[in-house]
Amino acid sequence: MLAFRMELPCLCLLLLSCLQSLSASHDFYTSIGQMTDLLYTEKDLVTSLKDYIKAEENKLEKIKRWADKLDLLSATAVLDPEGYLGHPVNAFKLMKRLNTEWGELESLVLSDTTDGFISNLTIQRQNFPTDEDQTGAAKALLRLQDTYRLDANTISIGDLPGAKHKSLMTVEDCYELGKIAYSDVDYYHTELWMVQALKQLDRGEESTMDRVTLLDYLSYSIYQQGDIERALEFTKQLLELDPEHLRAKGNLKYFEFQLEKQKKADEEDVTKKDKDGGKRETTVKKKSKKKVATPQVPERKKYEMLCRGEGIRMTPRRLSRLFCRYFDNHHNPMYVLAPVKQQDEWDHPYIVRFLDIISDKEMERVKQLAKPRLRRATISNPITGVLETAPYRISKSAWLTGYEDPMIDTINQRIEDLTGLEMDTAEELQVANYGVGGQYEPHFDFGRKDEPDAFKELGTGNRIATWLFYMSDVAAGGATVFPDVGAAIYPQKGSAVFWYNLFPSGEGDYSTRHAACPVLVGNKWVSNKWIHERGQEWRRPCALNETD
């Protein structure tokens, strides 16, 4: 009602000035006849005033409904922030609300600039997500849809495996996803999400979106994928709703022309085949049979299959060679009386997991130290060697040194005791937290022969081994996969996996190419230690054969 109190005096002054201008030009008191006209003028003014009040009440009612909805939503979300944002739809909708919808609310209420809420909102909006954030969250949903083969409706109703805080997508949300895909010239996803938006409208969902806009995007995206007949069908549906839609009228003629042209071309092909068939020789030459090479499965497809749990299964014989054990690393004094639990995860490359190797207290301390320093994770450009961000690595990371906190030093010493490798030449502990649909596509940890200067500035040689802590469980997705060999290692809070990137000869083991699958539901925290060659000369002696 503050807006009403501010604007009412302005309106009254306007009304008074109108009345004063009327009285200045006419002596109304001298004629009742003329005074009666003022009654009608006042009646019109009262009607206008009531319309103004009604408009203000409607505005306040909208704001109240919005506040009640957000109050309920935030009350649920803050009880388990990481769990809530672990659902990618919730994360996308948060980006969308803060980047778009709060701005619309600000415009609605902005009439009262003295209101503390508006002043506070205007200041806070400087730190809100940007268009880039909203687009990034939307593309993450599309990536999850592809990787885990989810249909649009499954995502829209929030029915994802392991999700605790399900959230429904509105027609507007679906449209937003389709529009972002369209802007990215991704007509496949444009079609999926415009169709989903239309389905939700057909189910009776209330929405400000109109079918004409959805059909306009849908018909064009289908045309771009080469299905002119379906594009024409949706264009006709659009014109039934809006017969004067200029673009649709133009598209209708164009699609009909293209279909007719295609029909003639098909008829000519049939005629030509019939003629060629009559001229065929009756003698058929025997052709020598050639062996058809088995097509190679693209790495991207293997990566996505492993992420879905459709990877290569070990033979019973190979499985029989994997063991669990209590491990003390050749009677290391720290672990003779309390050996750690170790299990084999894969044979080639040899990957082991250490269970219950980092405590809850240590994990929380590592997260606490890392959170203020988290920055968008980078990759080393293979050509320039410069660190840069990349769309295939969606996470934020921070580096922690043993000098900052005794606990980090303790963790580093533990890695040294269990691997037997020197930590003085290793890189600092890197902590990473994955975002919406967070992933890191297939990559090597070590520098290849075509990257001779990959770690030159460190002066410690190549990355000989990788130690990876899992500091959270992940409800769905987020596995570490090795596409070349078919291994999939799933996050298990408090555990760590270890593998060598180099053979003892110093040559790179290309089977260690690995990736972090997109996080479907949950919040993935990891920390890793990249161990380098220098200092390992007597700890892991060099071999003479290249692959030993």
Foldseek 3Di string as FASTA:
>chain_A
DLLCVVCVVVLVVVVVVVVVVVCVVPVCVVDVVSVVVVVVVVVVSVVVVVVVVVVVVVLVVVVVVVVVVVVVVVVVCVVPVQQQQLALVSVLVQLCCLAPVVVVNLVSPVSPVVDPVSVVSVVCSVVHHYPVSNLLSLVLVVVCCVLQVNAPVCSQQQVDFLRDDRDHHALVRLCVSLVSCVVVVNLVSVQRSLVVSVVRVVVPDDDPDDNLVSLVSNLVSVVVVPPLVVSLVSLVVNCVVPVPPVVSVVSNVVSVVVVVVVVVVVVVVVVVVVVVVVPDDPDDDDDDDDDDDDDDDDLVVLQSCLLNVNFDDDDPVQVVPKDKDFDQPVPQVVPVVPGWIKTWQHVVQTKMKTALQADLVLLVVVCVVKVVPWDQAWDQDLVPRDTDHDSQAAKTKDFDACVVDVSQVVSLVSVCRRVVADQVLWGTKMKIKGHSQGKHPWDAQWDAPSRPCNPVVSVQAIQFKKKKAWQDAASGGFWKAQSVVGGTHHRDHSMMMMGTQAALQRHGRNSPGIMTGTRNGGITMMIMMGGGDHRCCVRRPHDDDRRD
